[in-house]
Amino acid sequence: MKILTVRKYIRQLEERGLIVTEPTEVITKAGEKRNGNLLFTLRPIQEVIDQHYARQLEELELATERQRAATLLRQQESPA
């Protein structure tokens, strides 16, 4: 159960853009390729903040456009 919990939190950090993970490969002494560990890279905090603000701005613009479209539909349905 612990692995699922850790994986859940890692996935949340990835979705929020705070970290990037990459699988690694290990070559054993016998020459076999095996899966290694995940390589974690922390993203620069300013990039994360900028991305967050850009996402918020996109959501605000989308909400504004939806409201504008709803207003136009109401005006078309009940002409004064």
N, C-alpha and C. Protein backbone atom coordinates (compact mmCIF):
# COMPACT_ATOMS: atom_id res chain seq x y z
N MET A 1 0.80 -1.20 0.00
CA MET A 1 0.00 0.00 0.00
C MET A 1 0.85 1.27 0.00
N LYS A 2 2.02 1.21 0.62
CA LYS A 2 2.86 2.39 0.68
C LYS A 2 3.27 2.87 -0.71
N ILE A 3 3.58 1.94 -1.59
CA ILE A 3 4.02 2.29 -2.93
C ILE A 3 2.93 3.06 -3.67
N LEU A 4 1.68 2.64 -3.53
CA LEU A 4 0.59 3.34 -4.19
C LEU A 4 0.46 4.75 -3.65
N THR A 5 0.63 4.92 -2.35
CA THR A 5 0.54 6.25 -1.75
C THR A 5 1.67 7.14 -2.26
N VAL A 6 2.89 6.63 -2.30
CA VAL A 6 4.02 7.40 -2.80
C VAL A 6 3.80 7.77 -4.25
N ARG A 7 3.37 6.79 -5.05
CA ARG A 7 3.13 7.04 -6.48
C ARG A 7 2.05 8.11 -6.68
N LYS A 8 1.03 8.08 -5.83
CA LYS A 8 -0.05 9.07 -5.92
C LYS A 8 0.51 10.47 -5.70
N TYR A 9 1.35 10.63 -4.69
CA TYR A 9 1.90 11.96 -4.39
C TYR A 9 2.91 12.40 -5.45
N ILE A 10 3.67 11.47 -5.98
CA ILE A 10 4.60 11.81 -7.07
C ILE A 10 3.80 12.29 -8.28
N ARG A 11 2.73 11.58 -8.61
CA ARG A 11 1.88 11.96 -9.75
C ARG A 11 1.28 13.36 -9.54
N GLN A 12 0.87 13.68 -8.32
CA GLN A 12 0.33 15.01 -8.02
C GLN A 12 1.39 16.09 -8.23
N LEU A 13 2.61 15.83 -7.79
CA LEU A 13 3.68 16.80 -8.00
C LEU A 13 3.98 17.00 -9.48
N GLU A 14 3.91 15.91 -10.25
CA GLU A 14 4.12 16.00 -11.70
C GLU A 14 2.99 16.80 -12.34
N GLU A 15 1.75 16.52 -11.96
CA GLU A 15 0.61 17.22 -12.54
C GLU A 15 0.65 18.72 -12.25
N ARG A 16 1.16 19.07 -11.09
CA ARG A 16 1.27 20.49 -10.73
C ARG A 16 2.49 21.14 -11.36
N GLY A 17 3.32 20.34 -12.00
CA GLY A 17 4.48 20.88 -12.69
C GLY A 17 5.65 21.19 -11.79
N LEU A 18 5.65 20.65 -10.58
CA LEU A 18 6.73 20.93 -9.65
C LEU A 18 7.95 20.05 -9.89
N ILE A 19 7.73 18.84 -10.39
CA ILE A 19 8.84 17.93 -10.67
C ILE A 19 8.65 17.28 -12.03
N VAL A 20 9.75 16.76 -12.55
CA VAL A 20 9.74 15.95 -13.77
C VAL A 20 10.41 14.64 -13.40
N THR A 21 9.82 13.52 -13.81
CA THR A 21 10.44 12.23 -13.53
C THR A 21 10.80 11.54 -14.83
N GLU A 22 11.89 10.79 -14.78
CA GLU A 22 12.32 10.01 -15.93
C GLU A 22 12.75 8.63 -15.44
N PRO A 23 12.33 7.58 -16.13
CA PRO A 23 12.81 6.25 -15.73
C PRO A 23 14.28 6.11 -16.13
N THR A 24 15.01 5.32 -15.38
CA THR A 24 16.42 5.08 -15.70
C THR A 24 16.62 3.60 -15.97
N GLU A 25 17.74 3.27 -16.58
CA GLU A 25 18.11 1.88 -16.84
C GLU A 25 19.44 1.58 -16.18
N VAL A 26 19.57 0.37 -15.73
CA VAL A 26 20.81 -0.07 -15.09
C VAL A 26 21.32 -1.28 -15.86
N ILE A 27 22.62 -1.32 -16.09
CA ILE A 27 23.23 -2.49 -16.74
C ILE A 27 23.96 -3.26 -15.64
N THR A 28 23.56 -4.51 -15.45
CA THR A 28 24.15 -5.33 -14.40
C THR A 28 25.55 -5.78 -14.81
N LYS A 29 26.27 -6.38 -13.89
CA LYS A 29 27.61 -6.90 -14.19
C LYS A 29 27.54 -7.96 -15.27
N ALA A 30 26.40 -8.67 -15.34
CA ALA A 30 26.23 -9.71 -16.35
C ALA A 30 25.86 -9.10 -17.70
N GLY A 31 25.71 -7.77 -17.76
CA GLY A 31 25.41 -7.11 -19.03
C GLY A 31 23.92 -7.02 -19.34
N GLU A 32 23.06 -7.37 -18.38
CA GLU A 32 21.62 -7.30 -18.60
C GLU A 32 21.11 -5.89 -18.32
N LYS A 33 20.17 -5.46 -19.15
CA LYS A 33 19.53 -4.17 -18.92
C LYS A 33 18.36 -4.37 -17.97
N ARG A 34 18.29 -3.55 -16.95
CA ARG A 34 17.20 -3.61 -15.98
C ARG A 34 16.65 -2.21 -15.76
N ASN A 35 15.40 -2.16 -15.31
CA ASN A 35 14.83 -0.88 -14.94
C ASN A 35 15.52 -0.37 -13.68
N GLY A 36 15.82 0.90 -13.67
CA GLY A 36 16.43 1.51 -12.49
C GLY A 36 15.37 2.23 -11.68
N ASN A 37 15.77 3.29 -11.06
CA ASN A 37 14.86 4.12 -10.27
C ASN A 37 14.36 5.28 -11.11
N LEU A 38 13.38 5.99 -10.58
CA LEU A 38 12.95 7.22 -11.24
C LEU A 38 13.96 8.31 -10.93
N LEU A 39 14.29 9.09 -11.94
CA LEU A 39 15.16 10.25 -11.77
C LEU A 39 14.25 11.46 -11.59
N PHE A 40 14.37 12.14 -10.46
CA PHE A 40 13.53 13.29 -10.16
C PHE A 40 14.29 14.57 -10.46
N THR A 41 13.62 15.50 -11.12
CA THR A 41 14.19 16.81 -11.39
C THR A 41 13.20 17.85 -10.90
N LEU A 42 13.66 18.71 -10.00
CA LEU A 42 12.83 19.81 -9.52
C LEU A 42 12.84 20.92 -10.55
N ARG A 43 11.68 21.44 -10.87
CA ARG A 43 11.61 22.53 -11.83
C ARG A 43 11.90 23.84 -11.12
N PRO A 44 12.48 24.81 -11.81
CA PRO A 44 12.73 26.13 -11.19
C PRO A 44 11.41 26.74 -10.71
N ILE A 45 11.40 27.24 -9.49
CA ILE A 45 10.17 27.70 -8.87
C ILE A 45 9.53 28.84 -9.66
N GLN A 46 10.33 29.72 -10.25
CA GLN A 46 9.75 30.84 -11.01
C GLN A 46 8.98 30.33 -12.23
N GLU A 47 9.49 29.28 -12.89
CA GLU A 47 8.77 28.69 -14.01
C GLU A 47 7.44 28.10 -13.55
N VAL A 48 7.46 27.45 -12.40
CA VAL A 48 6.25 26.84 -11.85
C VAL A 48 5.22 27.92 -11.55
N ILE A 49 5.67 29.02 -10.93
CA ILE A 49 4.76 30.13 -10.60
C ILE A 49 4.20 30.75 -11.87
N ASP A 50 5.06 31.00 -12.85
CA ASP A 50 4.61 31.58 -14.12
C ASP A 50 3.59 30.69 -14.80
N GLN A 51 3.84 29.38 -14.79
CA GLN A 51 2.91 28.43 -15.41
C GLN A 51 1.57 28.43 -14.67
N HIS A 52 1.62 28.51 -13.35
CA HIS A 52 0.40 28.55 -12.55
C HIS A 52 -0.44 29.79 -12.90
N TYR A 53 0.22 30.95 -12.97
CA TYR A 53 -0.50 32.18 -13.31
C TYR A 53 -1.05 32.13 -14.73
N ALA A 54 -0.30 31.56 -15.65
CA ALA A 54 -0.77 31.44 -17.04
C ALA A 54 -2.00 30.55 -17.10
N ARG A 55 -1.99 29.44 -16.33
CA ARG A 55 -3.13 28.54 -16.29
C ARG A 55 -4.36 29.24 -15.71
N GLN A 56 -4.15 30.02 -14.64
CA GLN A 56 -5.25 30.75 -14.03
C GLN A 56 -5.82 31.77 -15.01
N LEU A 57 -4.95 32.46 -15.75
CA LEU A 57 -5.39 33.45 -16.72
C LEU A 57 -6.20 32.78 -17.84
N GLU A 58 -5.76 31.62 -18.31
CA GLU A 58 -6.50 30.89 -19.34
C GLU A 58 -7.90 30.50 -18.83
N GLU A 59 -7.97 30.03 -17.58
CA GLU A 59 -9.26 29.65 -17.01
C GLU A 59 -10.17 30.87 -16.89
N LEU A 60 -9.62 32.01 -16.50
CA LEU A 60 -10.40 33.24 -16.38
C LEU A 60 -10.91 33.69 -17.75
N GLU A 61 -10.05 33.63 -18.75
CA GLU A 61 -10.47 34.00 -20.11
C GLU A 61 -11.57 33.08 -20.62
N LEU A 62 -11.45 31.79 -20.34
CA LEU A 62 -12.47 30.83 -20.76
C LEU A 62 -13.79 31.11 -20.05
N ALA A 63 -13.75 31.38 -18.76
CA ALA A 63 -14.97 31.69 -18.01
C ALA A 63 -15.62 32.98 -18.53
N THR A 64 -14.80 33.97 -18.86
CA THR A 64 -15.31 35.23 -19.41
C THR A 64 -15.99 34.98 -20.76
N GLU A 65 -15.37 34.16 -21.59
CA GLU A 65 -15.95 33.86 -22.90
C GLU A 65 -17.27 33.10 -22.76
N ARG A 66 -17.32 32.16 -21.82
CA ARG A 66 -18.57 31.43 -21.57
C ARG A 66 -19.68 32.37 -21.12
N GLN A 67 -19.33 33.30 -20.24
CA GLN A 67 -20.32 34.26 -19.74
C GLN A 67 -20.80 35.16 -20.88
N ARG A 68 -19.88 35.57 -21.73
CA ARG A 68 -20.25 36.42 -22.88
C ARG A 68 -21.19 35.65 -23.82
N ALA A 69 -20.89 34.39 -24.07
CA ALA A 69 -21.73 33.57 -24.95
C ALA A 69 -23.10 33.36 -24.33
N ALA A 70 -23.16 33.13 -23.01
CA ALA A 70 -24.45 32.94 -22.34
C ALA A 70 -25.28 34.21 -22.41
N THR A 71 -24.66 35.35 -22.27
CA THR A 71 -25.37 36.63 -22.35
C THR A 71 -25.93 36.82 -23.76
N LEU A 72 -25.13 36.51 -24.78
CA LEU A 72 -25.60 36.64 -26.17
C LEU A 72 -26.78 35.71 -26.44
N LEU A 73 -26.72 34.48 -25.92
CA LEU A 73 -27.82 33.54 -26.11
C LEU A 73 -29.10 34.04 -25.45
N ARG A 74 -28.97 34.58 -24.24
CA ARG A 74 -30.15 35.12 -23.55
C ARG A 74 -30.75 36.27 -24.34
N GLN A 75 -29.90 37.13 -24.90
CA GLN A 75 -30.38 38.27 -25.67
C GLN A 75 -31.09 37.81 -26.95
N GLN A 76 -30.58 36.76 -27.57
CA GLN A 76 -31.20 36.23 -28.78
C GLN A 76 -32.53 35.54 -28.49
N GLU A 77 -32.62 34.89 -27.36
CA GLU A 77 -33.85 34.16 -27.00
C GLU A 77 -34.99 35.10 -26.62
N SER A 78 -34.67 36.20 -26.01
CA SER A 78 -35.72 37.15 -25.60
C SER A 78 -35.39 38.56 -26.08
N PRO A 79 -35.66 38.81 -27.38
CA PRO A 79 -35.37 40.13 -27.93
C PRO A 79 -36.30 41.18 -27.28
N ALA A 80 -35.74 42.33 -27.01
CA ALA A 80 -36.51 43.39 -26.33
C ALA A 80 -37.21 44.28 -27.30
